[in-house]
Amino acid sequence: MAPVRTPNVAPNCVNVPRRNGDGFEELCHLVEMSDPDTALCGKDVTGYPWNPPWPRCKACEEISRGGMN
């Protein structure tokens, strides 16, 4: 059995975020100032660029509105 990837979707799914040349998942994750290395969705974003021109993480957006993903 293959290991679970984040996000847990089929590898060839059209919704899998691309990875750029630096190895970063091309999603703009939201963080709290108290913990800037962890996205609201739980992903470790240590070293990620600030405010990249990528689509926002839908899970982070939903959590920031008080909902669940």
N, C-alpha and C. Protein backbone atom coordinates (compact mmCIF):
# COMPACT_ATOMS: atom_id res chain seq x y z
N MET A 1 0.84 -1.17 0.00
CA MET A 1 0.00 0.00 0.00
C MET A 1 0.89 1.25 0.00
N ALA A 2 0.53 2.21 -0.84
CA ALA A 2 1.32 3.44 -0.97
C ALA A 2 1.10 4.33 0.26
N PRO A 3 2.13 5.09 0.68
CA PRO A 3 1.95 6.00 1.82
C PRO A 3 0.98 7.12 1.47
N VAL A 4 0.32 7.64 2.48
CA VAL A 4 -0.63 8.74 2.30
C VAL A 4 0.14 10.02 2.05
N ARG A 5 -0.27 10.76 1.02
CA ARG A 5 0.33 12.06 0.71
C ARG A 5 -0.58 13.16 1.20
N THR A 6 -0.03 14.31 1.42
CA THR A 6 -0.83 15.48 1.76
C THR A 6 -0.92 16.35 0.52
N PRO A 7 -2.07 16.69 0.02
CA PRO A 7 -3.38 16.26 0.47
C PRO A 7 -3.65 14.82 0.06
N ASN A 8 -4.54 14.16 0.77
CA ASN A 8 -4.84 12.76 0.54
C ASN A 8 -5.83 12.62 -0.63
N VAL A 9 -5.30 12.73 -1.84
CA VAL A 9 -6.09 12.59 -3.06
C VAL A 9 -5.34 11.69 -4.02
N ALA A 10 -6.04 11.23 -5.05
CA ALA A 10 -5.41 10.38 -6.05
C ALA A 10 -4.26 11.14 -6.70
N PRO A 11 -3.11 10.49 -6.92
CA PRO A 11 -1.93 11.19 -7.46
C PRO A 11 -2.16 11.91 -8.78
N ASN A 12 -3.04 11.40 -9.62
CA ASN A 12 -3.28 12.03 -10.92
C ASN A 12 -4.50 12.94 -10.93
N CYS A 13 -5.04 13.22 -9.76
CA CYS A 13 -6.21 14.10 -9.65
C CYS A 13 -5.85 15.50 -10.14
N VAL A 14 -6.76 16.16 -10.80
CA VAL A 14 -6.48 17.50 -11.32
C VAL A 14 -6.34 18.52 -10.21
N ASN A 15 -6.77 18.21 -9.00
CA ASN A 15 -6.71 19.16 -7.89
C ASN A 15 -5.44 19.08 -7.07
N VAL A 16 -4.51 18.20 -7.42
CA VAL A 16 -3.26 18.10 -6.67
C VAL A 16 -2.42 19.34 -6.98
N PRO A 17 -2.03 20.10 -5.96
CA PRO A 17 -1.24 21.32 -6.22
C PRO A 17 0.11 20.98 -6.84
N ARG A 18 0.55 21.83 -7.75
CA ARG A 18 1.87 21.64 -8.36
C ARG A 18 2.94 21.93 -7.32
N ARG A 19 4.15 21.50 -7.60
CA ARG A 19 5.31 21.84 -6.78
C ARG A 19 6.23 22.69 -7.64
N ASN A 20 6.73 23.77 -7.07
CA ASN A 20 7.61 24.65 -7.84
C ASN A 20 9.04 24.14 -7.80
N GLY A 21 9.95 24.85 -8.41
CA GLY A 21 11.34 24.44 -8.48
C GLY A 21 12.03 24.34 -7.13
N ASP A 22 11.51 25.04 -6.12
CA ASP A 22 12.07 24.98 -4.77
C ASP A 22 11.45 23.86 -3.95
N GLY A 23 10.49 23.13 -4.52
CA GLY A 23 9.85 22.02 -3.82
C GLY A 23 8.64 22.41 -3.00
N PHE A 24 8.20 23.67 -3.11
CA PHE A 24 7.04 24.11 -2.35
C PHE A 24 5.75 23.78 -3.08
N GLU A 25 4.77 23.29 -2.33
CA GLU A 25 3.45 23.07 -2.87
C GLU A 25 2.87 24.43 -3.25
N GLU A 26 2.38 24.58 -4.46
CA GLU A 26 1.92 25.88 -4.93
C GLU A 26 0.50 26.19 -4.46
N LEU A 27 0.38 26.32 -3.15
CA LEU A 27 -0.84 26.80 -2.50
C LEU A 27 -0.44 27.85 -1.50
N CYS A 28 -1.24 28.89 -1.39
CA CYS A 28 -0.99 29.94 -0.41
C CYS A 28 -1.73 29.57 0.86
N HIS A 29 -0.99 29.10 1.86
CA HIS A 29 -1.58 28.70 3.13
C HIS A 29 -1.68 29.90 4.06
N LEU A 30 -2.68 29.89 4.92
CA LEU A 30 -2.87 30.95 5.90
C LEU A 30 -2.30 30.50 7.24
N VAL A 31 -1.66 31.42 7.95
CA VAL A 31 -1.06 31.11 9.25
C VAL A 31 -1.51 32.14 10.27
N GLU A 32 -1.29 31.83 11.54
CA GLU A 32 -1.52 32.80 12.62
C GLU A 32 -0.17 33.37 13.01
N MET A 33 -0.16 34.62 13.45
CA MET A 33 1.09 35.27 13.83
C MET A 33 1.77 34.54 14.99
N SER A 34 0.99 33.88 15.84
CA SER A 34 1.57 33.17 16.99
C SER A 34 2.30 31.90 16.57
N ASP A 35 2.01 31.35 15.36
CA ASP A 35 2.67 30.15 14.88
C ASP A 35 2.80 30.22 13.35
N PRO A 36 3.72 31.04 12.85
CA PRO A 36 3.83 31.25 11.40
C PRO A 36 4.39 30.06 10.62
N ASP A 37 4.83 29.01 11.31
CA ASP A 37 5.37 27.84 10.62
C ASP A 37 4.35 26.73 10.43
N THR A 38 3.12 26.94 10.93
CA THR A 38 2.07 25.94 10.77
C THR A 38 0.85 26.61 10.17
N ALA A 39 0.40 26.07 9.02
CA ALA A 39 -0.79 26.61 8.37
C ALA A 39 -2.02 26.24 9.18
N LEU A 40 -3.09 26.97 8.97
CA LEU A 40 -4.34 26.69 9.68
C LEU A 40 -4.83 25.27 9.40
N CYS A 41 -4.51 24.74 8.22
CA CYS A 41 -4.92 23.38 7.86
C CYS A 41 -4.02 22.33 8.48
N GLY A 42 -2.95 22.75 9.17
CA GLY A 42 -2.06 21.81 9.83
C GLY A 42 -0.77 21.52 9.09
N LYS A 43 -0.62 22.01 7.87
CA LYS A 43 0.59 21.75 7.10
C LYS A 43 1.76 22.55 7.64
N ASP A 44 2.92 21.90 7.69
CA ASP A 44 4.15 22.59 8.10
C ASP A 44 4.60 23.47 6.93
N VAL A 45 4.61 24.77 7.13
CA VAL A 45 4.98 25.70 6.07
C VAL A 45 6.27 26.45 6.39
N THR A 46 7.12 25.82 7.19
CA THR A 46 8.42 26.40 7.53
C THR A 46 9.20 26.68 6.26
N GLY A 47 9.64 27.91 6.08
CA GLY A 47 10.43 28.28 4.92
C GLY A 47 9.63 28.65 3.69
N TYR A 48 8.30 28.51 3.73
CA TYR A 48 7.48 28.89 2.58
C TYR A 48 7.55 30.39 2.36
N PRO A 49 7.44 30.84 1.12
CA PRO A 49 7.44 32.29 0.86
C PRO A 49 6.16 32.93 1.40
N TRP A 50 6.25 34.21 1.77
CA TRP A 50 5.09 34.95 2.25
C TRP A 50 4.31 35.50 1.07
N ASN A 51 3.00 35.37 1.12
CA ASN A 51 2.09 35.90 0.10
C ASN A 51 2.48 35.52 -1.32
N PRO A 52 2.63 34.22 -1.59
CA PRO A 52 2.97 33.82 -2.95
C PRO A 52 1.77 34.03 -3.88
N PRO A 53 2.02 34.11 -5.18
CA PRO A 53 0.93 34.34 -6.14
C PRO A 53 0.22 33.05 -6.53
N TRP A 54 -0.07 32.22 -5.56
CA TRP A 54 -0.71 30.93 -5.81
C TRP A 54 -2.13 30.95 -5.27
N PRO A 55 -2.97 30.00 -5.70
CA PRO A 55 -4.33 29.93 -5.16
C PRO A 55 -4.29 29.65 -3.66
N ARG A 56 -5.25 30.20 -2.94
CA ARG A 56 -5.31 29.97 -1.48
C ARG A 56 -5.78 28.56 -1.18
N CYS A 57 -5.26 28.03 -0.10
CA CYS A 57 -5.66 26.72 0.40
C CYS A 57 -7.11 26.82 0.89
N LYS A 58 -7.99 26.03 0.31
CA LYS A 58 -9.41 26.09 0.67
C LYS A 58 -9.65 25.66 2.11
N ALA A 59 -8.86 24.71 2.61
CA ALA A 59 -9.01 24.28 4.01
C ALA A 59 -8.64 25.41 4.95
N CYS A 60 -7.54 26.11 4.67
CA CYS A 60 -7.14 27.25 5.50
C CYS A 60 -8.21 28.33 5.49
N GLU A 61 -8.77 28.61 4.31
CA GLU A 61 -9.80 29.64 4.21
C GLU A 61 -11.02 29.28 5.04
N GLU A 62 -11.44 28.03 4.95
CA GLU A 62 -12.63 27.59 5.68
C GLU A 62 -12.39 27.65 7.19
N ILE A 63 -11.23 27.23 7.63
CA ILE A 63 -10.90 27.27 9.06
C ILE A 63 -10.84 28.71 9.54
N SER A 64 -10.31 29.62 8.70
CA SER A 64 -10.21 31.03 9.11
C SER A 64 -11.60 31.66 9.27
N ARG A 65 -12.60 31.12 8.59
CA ARG A 65 -13.98 31.60 8.71
C ARG A 65 -14.73 30.92 9.86
N GLY A 66 -14.03 30.01 10.56
CA GLY A 66 -14.66 29.34 11.68
C GLY A 66 -15.31 28.02 11.31
N GLY A 67 -15.16 27.60 10.07
CA GLY A 67 -15.75 26.33 9.63
C GLY A 67 -14.72 25.21 9.70
N MET A 68 -15.11 24.07 9.28
CA MET A 68 -14.21 22.92 9.21
C MET A 68 -14.05 22.53 7.75
N ASN A 69 -12.90 21.90 7.43
CA ASN A 69 -12.70 21.47 6.04
C ASN A 69 -13.24 20.10 5.82
